Amino acid sequence: MNTDDILVVTTNEVAHTTIARVLAPVYGTAVRSRSGLGNALGSLRATFGGGQAGYTRLLRETRAEAIRELQAHAASYGANAVIGMRFDSGEFDAGRAQSMAEITAYGTAVILE
């Protein structure tokens, strides 16, 4: 099965399906950083107010990567869906004015019929 075919939902049920088997808790974690220049420009923008398009893009891409990792983990159990998906996130300083965004997507791998 292609991992893109694994359904990921935030609900605990999927309409018109039956959970045939609950397999395991699964997760996918992604860590990304902006460049030093990107961080400096972001800090400058934060000083004067306004949107943070670079950080928004970084988080969107990191979430998408975490979901792909989640789907791959679910596929390793033979799942065709992940229910109850949630995100957990954090940021940490990697030194030299480099901050890293970490996002974990987690849920329950199941087989739906």
N, C-alpha and C. Protein backbone atom coordinates (compact mmCIF):
# COMPACT_ATOMS: atom_id res chain seq x y z
N MET A 1 0.84 -1.19 0.00
CA MET A 1 0.00 0.00 0.00
C MET A 1 0.88 1.25 0.00
N ASN A 2 0.52 2.19 -0.82
CA ASN A 2 1.19 3.48 -0.87
C ASN A 2 0.84 4.24 0.40
N THR A 3 1.82 4.84 1.06
CA THR A 3 1.52 5.54 2.32
C THR A 3 0.56 6.71 2.11
N ASP A 4 0.52 7.28 0.91
CA ASP A 4 -0.43 8.37 0.64
C ASP A 4 -1.87 7.87 0.69
N ASP A 5 -2.08 6.56 0.56
CA ASP A 5 -3.42 5.98 0.60
C ASP A 5 -3.92 5.75 2.02
N ILE A 6 -3.09 5.97 3.01
CA ILE A 6 -3.51 5.77 4.40
C ILE A 6 -4.28 7.00 4.85
N LEU A 7 -5.53 6.77 5.19
CA LEU A 7 -6.41 7.83 5.64
C LEU A 7 -5.96 8.31 7.02
N VAL A 8 -5.89 9.61 7.21
CA VAL A 8 -5.54 10.19 8.52
C VAL A 8 -6.66 11.14 8.90
N VAL A 9 -7.29 10.86 10.06
CA VAL A 9 -8.41 11.70 10.52
C VAL A 9 -8.21 12.06 11.99
N THR A 10 -8.79 13.17 12.38
CA THR A 10 -8.70 13.60 13.78
C THR A 10 -9.84 13.01 14.61
N THR A 11 -10.81 12.42 13.97
CA THR A 11 -11.94 11.81 14.67
C THR A 11 -11.59 10.39 15.11
N ASN A 12 -12.40 9.83 15.99
CA ASN A 12 -12.18 8.46 16.45
C ASN A 12 -13.00 7.45 15.67
N GLU A 13 -13.79 7.93 14.72
CA GLU A 13 -14.61 7.08 13.85
C GLU A 13 -14.57 7.66 12.45
N VAL A 14 -14.85 6.82 11.47
CA VAL A 14 -14.96 7.27 10.08
C VAL A 14 -16.32 6.82 9.59
N ALA A 15 -17.12 7.76 9.14
CA ALA A 15 -18.49 7.45 8.70
C ALA A 15 -18.51 6.33 7.66
N HIS A 16 -19.49 5.47 7.79
CA HIS A 16 -19.74 4.38 6.85
C HIS A 16 -18.63 3.34 6.83
N THR A 17 -17.84 3.24 7.90
CA THR A 17 -16.80 2.21 8.00
C THR A 17 -16.90 1.55 9.36
N THR A 18 -16.25 0.41 9.46
CA THR A 18 -16.15 -0.30 10.73
C THR A 18 -14.66 -0.48 11.03
N ILE A 19 -14.28 -0.27 12.28
CA ILE A 19 -12.91 -0.54 12.68
C ILE A 19 -12.80 -2.04 12.88
N ALA A 20 -12.14 -2.70 11.95
CA ALA A 20 -11.99 -4.15 12.01
C ALA A 20 -10.92 -4.55 13.01
N ARG A 21 -9.90 -3.71 13.13
CA ARG A 21 -8.78 -4.04 14.02
C ARG A 21 -8.04 -2.78 14.46
N VAL A 22 -7.76 -2.68 15.73
CA VAL A 22 -6.91 -1.61 16.26
C VAL A 22 -5.51 -2.20 16.35
N LEU A 23 -4.54 -1.54 15.72
CA LEU A 23 -3.20 -2.12 15.61
C LEU A 23 -2.21 -1.59 16.64
N ALA A 24 -2.00 -0.28 16.69
CA ALA A 24 -0.97 0.25 17.59
C ALA A 24 -1.00 1.78 17.57
N PRO A 25 -0.47 2.38 18.63
CA PRO A 25 -0.24 3.82 18.56
C PRO A 25 0.91 4.07 17.58
N VAL A 26 0.78 5.11 16.79
CA VAL A 26 1.81 5.44 15.80
C VAL A 26 2.12 6.92 15.85
N TYR A 27 3.28 7.29 15.34
CA TYR A 27 3.69 8.68 15.35
C TYR A 27 4.62 8.97 14.19
N GLY A 28 4.78 10.23 13.91
CA GLY A 28 5.75 10.70 12.94
C GLY A 28 6.29 12.03 13.43
N THR A 29 7.58 12.17 13.45
CA THR A 29 8.20 13.40 13.95
C THR A 29 9.05 14.03 12.85
N ALA A 30 8.96 15.35 12.76
CA ALA A 30 9.76 16.11 11.80
C ALA A 30 10.39 17.29 12.53
N VAL A 31 11.63 17.56 12.20
CA VAL A 31 12.35 18.70 12.78
C VAL A 31 12.92 19.51 11.62
N ARG A 32 12.69 20.80 11.65
CA ARG A 32 13.21 21.68 10.59
C ARG A 32 13.71 22.97 11.20
N SER A 33 14.55 23.65 10.45
CA SER A 33 15.05 24.94 10.91
C SER A 33 15.05 25.93 9.76
N ARG A 34 15.04 27.19 10.15
CA ARG A 34 15.25 28.26 9.17
C ARG A 34 16.72 28.59 9.17
N SER A 35 17.15 29.25 8.12
CA SER A 35 18.54 29.68 8.05
C SER A 35 18.77 30.81 9.04
N GLY A 36 20.03 31.08 9.32
CA GLY A 36 20.36 32.19 10.20
C GLY A 36 19.81 33.50 9.68
N LEU A 37 19.89 33.70 8.35
CA LEU A 37 19.35 34.92 7.75
C LEU A 37 17.83 34.97 7.93
N GLY A 38 17.16 33.83 7.71
CA GLY A 38 15.71 33.78 7.89
C GLY A 38 15.31 34.10 9.32
N ASN A 39 16.07 33.58 10.29
CA ASN A 39 15.80 33.89 11.70
C ASN A 39 16.01 35.37 11.99
N ALA A 40 17.08 35.94 11.43
CA ALA A 40 17.37 37.36 11.66
C ALA A 40 16.26 38.24 11.08
N LEU A 41 15.83 37.92 9.87
CA LEU A 41 14.74 38.70 9.25
C LEU A 41 13.44 38.52 10.02
N GLY A 42 13.19 37.29 10.50
CA GLY A 42 11.99 37.05 11.30
C GLY A 42 12.01 37.84 12.59
N SER A 43 13.17 37.92 13.23
CA SER A 43 13.30 38.70 14.46
C SER A 43 13.06 40.18 14.19
N LEU A 44 13.58 40.65 13.07
CA LEU A 44 13.37 42.05 12.69
C LEU A 44 11.89 42.33 12.47
N ARG A 45 11.21 41.43 11.75
CA ARG A 45 9.77 41.60 11.52
C ARG A 45 9.00 41.56 12.83
N ALA A 46 9.40 40.69 13.76
CA ALA A 46 8.72 40.59 15.04
C ALA A 46 8.86 41.88 15.84
N THR A 47 10.00 42.55 15.70
CA THR A 47 10.23 43.80 16.41
C THR A 47 9.24 44.87 15.97
N PHE A 48 8.95 44.90 14.68
CA PHE A 48 8.06 45.94 14.14
C PHE A 48 6.64 45.46 13.93
N GLY A 49 6.37 44.21 14.24
CA GLY A 49 5.02 43.66 14.08
C GLY A 49 4.80 43.18 12.65
N GLY A 50 3.75 42.42 12.48
CA GLY A 50 3.41 41.93 11.14
C GLY A 50 3.47 40.42 11.04
N GLY A 51 3.09 39.93 9.89
CA GLY A 51 3.03 38.50 9.65
C GLY A 51 4.40 37.86 9.58
N GLN A 52 4.42 36.58 9.80
CA GLN A 52 5.67 35.81 9.77
C GLN A 52 5.53 34.70 8.72
N ALA A 53 5.49 35.09 7.46
CA ALA A 53 5.26 34.14 6.37
C ALA A 53 6.30 33.03 6.32
N GLY A 54 7.55 33.35 6.60
CA GLY A 54 8.61 32.33 6.59
C GLY A 54 8.38 31.27 7.65
N TYR A 55 8.03 31.70 8.86
CA TYR A 55 7.76 30.73 9.93
C TYR A 55 6.49 29.94 9.64
N THR A 56 5.49 30.60 9.10
CA THR A 56 4.24 29.90 8.75
C THR A 56 4.52 28.81 7.73
N ARG A 57 5.29 29.11 6.72
CA ARG A 57 5.65 28.12 5.70
C ARG A 57 6.45 26.97 6.32
N LEU A 58 7.41 27.31 7.20
CA LEU A 58 8.22 26.30 7.88
C LEU A 58 7.33 25.33 8.66
N LEU A 59 6.38 25.86 9.42
CA LEU A 59 5.50 25.00 10.21
C LEU A 59 4.58 24.16 9.34
N ARG A 60 4.07 24.74 8.26
CA ARG A 60 3.20 23.99 7.33
C ARG A 60 3.97 22.81 6.73
N GLU A 61 5.18 23.06 6.28
CA GLU A 61 6.00 22.00 5.68
C GLU A 61 6.39 20.94 6.72
N THR A 62 6.66 21.38 7.95
CA THR A 62 7.04 20.44 9.01
C THR A 62 5.85 19.57 9.39
N ARG A 63 4.64 20.15 9.47
CA ARG A 63 3.44 19.35 9.74
C ARG A 63 3.22 18.31 8.65
N ALA A 64 3.35 18.70 7.40
CA ALA A 64 3.16 17.77 6.29
C ALA A 64 4.16 16.62 6.35
N GLU A 65 5.41 16.94 6.69
CA GLU A 65 6.43 15.90 6.82
C GLU A 65 6.10 14.95 7.98
N ALA A 66 5.62 15.50 9.10
CA ALA A 66 5.25 14.67 10.25
C ALA A 66 4.11 13.72 9.89
N ILE A 67 3.15 14.20 9.10
CA ILE A 67 2.04 13.33 8.68
C ILE A 67 2.55 12.22 7.76
N ARG A 68 3.47 12.55 6.84
CA ARG A 68 4.04 11.50 5.98
C ARG A 68 4.76 10.44 6.81
N GLU A 69 5.49 10.87 7.81
CA GLU A 69 6.17 9.92 8.71
C GLU A 69 5.16 9.09 9.48
N LEU A 70 4.07 9.72 9.93
CA LEU A 70 2.99 9.01 10.62
C LEU A 70 2.40 7.93 9.71
N GLN A 71 2.13 8.29 8.46
CA GLN A 71 1.58 7.32 7.51
C GLN A 71 2.54 6.15 7.28
N ALA A 72 3.83 6.44 7.19
CA ALA A 72 4.82 5.37 7.00
C ALA A 72 4.85 4.44 8.21
N HIS A 73 4.77 5.01 9.41
CA HIS A 73 4.77 4.18 10.62
C HIS A 73 3.52 3.30 10.64
N ALA A 74 2.36 3.87 10.28
CA ALA A 74 1.12 3.10 10.24
C ALA A 74 1.21 1.99 9.19
N ALA A 75 1.80 2.28 8.05
CA ALA A 75 1.96 1.28 6.99
C ALA A 75 2.80 0.11 7.46
N SER A 76 3.77 0.36 8.33
CA SER A 76 4.62 -0.72 8.83
C SER A 76 3.83 -1.73 9.66
N TYR A 77 2.67 -1.34 10.14
CA TYR A 77 1.78 -2.25 10.87
C TYR A 77 0.71 -2.86 9.97
N GLY A 78 0.65 -2.43 8.71
CA GLY A 78 -0.37 -2.92 7.80
C GLY A 78 -1.69 -2.17 7.91
N ALA A 79 -1.66 -0.99 8.48
CA ALA A 79 -2.87 -0.18 8.67
C ALA A 79 -3.31 0.45 7.35
N ASN A 80 -4.61 0.75 7.28
CA ASN A 80 -5.09 1.53 6.14
C ASN A 80 -5.62 2.89 6.60
N ALA A 81 -5.54 3.16 7.92
CA ALA A 81 -5.99 4.44 8.45
C ALA A 81 -5.34 4.73 9.79
N VAL A 82 -5.33 6.01 10.13
CA VAL A 82 -4.93 6.47 11.46
C VAL A 82 -6.08 7.32 11.97
N ILE A 83 -6.59 6.95 13.14
CA ILE A 83 -7.67 7.73 13.74
C ILE A 83 -7.15 8.50 14.94
N GLY A 84 -7.90 9.54 15.33
CA GLY A 84 -7.55 10.33 16.51
C GLY A 84 -6.22 11.06 16.37
N MET A 85 -5.87 11.46 15.16
CA MET A 85 -4.58 12.12 14.94
C MET A 85 -4.55 13.49 15.63
N ARG A 86 -3.42 13.76 16.27
CA ARG A 86 -3.18 15.04 16.92
C ARG A 86 -1.75 15.47 16.61
N PHE A 87 -1.47 16.75 16.85
CA PHE A 87 -0.12 17.28 16.72
C PHE A 87 0.40 17.69 18.10
N ASP A 88 1.68 17.52 18.29
CA ASP A 88 2.38 18.08 19.43
C ASP A 88 3.56 18.84 18.82
N SER A 89 3.88 19.99 19.37
CA SER A 89 4.96 20.76 18.76
C SER A 89 5.81 21.46 19.81
N GLY A 90 6.99 21.82 19.37
CA GLY A 90 7.89 22.56 20.24
C GLY A 90 8.96 23.24 19.40
N GLU A 91 9.70 24.07 20.05
CA GLU A 91 10.80 24.77 19.39
C GLU A 91 11.97 24.73 20.34
N PHE A 92 13.16 24.57 19.81
CA PHE A 92 14.33 24.59 20.67
C PHE A 92 15.46 25.32 19.98
N ASP A 93 16.35 25.83 20.80
CA ASP A 93 17.50 26.58 20.33
C ASP A 93 18.61 25.60 20.00
N ALA A 94 19.09 25.64 18.76
CA ALA A 94 20.15 24.75 18.33
C ALA A 94 21.51 25.45 18.33
N GLY A 95 21.57 26.62 18.94
CA GLY A 95 22.84 27.36 19.01
C GLY A 95 23.05 28.25 17.80
N ARG A 96 23.92 29.22 17.95
CA ARG A 96 24.28 30.17 16.87
C ARG A 96 23.06 30.81 16.23
N ALA A 97 22.12 31.24 17.05
CA ALA A 97 20.89 31.91 16.59
C ALA A 97 20.07 31.03 15.66
N GLN A 98 20.18 29.73 15.83
CA GLN A 98 19.46 28.77 14.99
C GLN A 98 18.36 28.13 15.83
N SER A 99 17.10 28.34 15.46
CA SER A 99 16.02 27.68 16.18
C SER A 99 15.44 26.57 15.31
N MET A 100 14.98 25.53 15.96
CA MET A 100 14.45 24.37 15.28
C MET A 100 12.99 24.19 15.69
N ALA A 101 12.14 23.87 14.71
CA ALA A 101 10.75 23.55 14.98
C ALA A 101 10.60 22.03 14.93
N GLU A 102 9.99 21.47 15.96
CA GLU A 102 9.75 20.02 16.03
C GLU A 102 8.25 19.80 16.13
N ILE A 103 7.73 18.96 15.26
CA ILE A 103 6.31 18.63 15.28
C ILE A 103 6.17 17.12 15.22
N THR A 104 5.34 16.59 16.11
CA THR A 104 5.02 15.17 16.10
C THR A 104 3.54 15.01 15.82
N ALA A 105 3.21 14.16 14.86
CA ALA A 105 1.83 13.78 14.59
C ALA A 105 1.66 12.39 15.18
N TYR A 106 0.58 12.17 15.93
CA TYR A 106 0.38 10.86 16.52
C TYR A 106 -1.09 10.46 16.48
N GLY A 107 -1.35 9.18 16.54
CA GLY A 107 -2.71 8.67 16.51
C GLY A 107 -2.70 7.16 16.67
N THR A 108 -3.80 6.53 16.28
CA THR A 108 -3.95 5.09 16.42
C THR A 108 -4.08 4.45 15.04
N ALA A 109 -3.21 3.51 14.73
CA ALA A 109 -3.26 2.79 13.46
C ALA A 109 -4.36 1.74 13.52
N VAL A 110 -5.21 1.72 12.51
CA VAL A 110 -6.33 0.78 12.47
C VAL A 110 -6.50 0.21 11.06
N ILE A 111 -7.30 -0.83 11.00
CA ILE A 111 -7.76 -1.36 9.71
C ILE A 111 -9.25 -1.08 9.64
N LEU A 112 -9.64 -0.31 8.65
CA LEU A 112 -11.05 0.01 8.43
C LEU A 112 -11.63 -0.88 7.36
N GLU A 113 -12.88 -1.25 7.53
CA GLU A 113 -13.61 -1.99 6.49
C GLU A 113 -14.79 -1.17 6.03
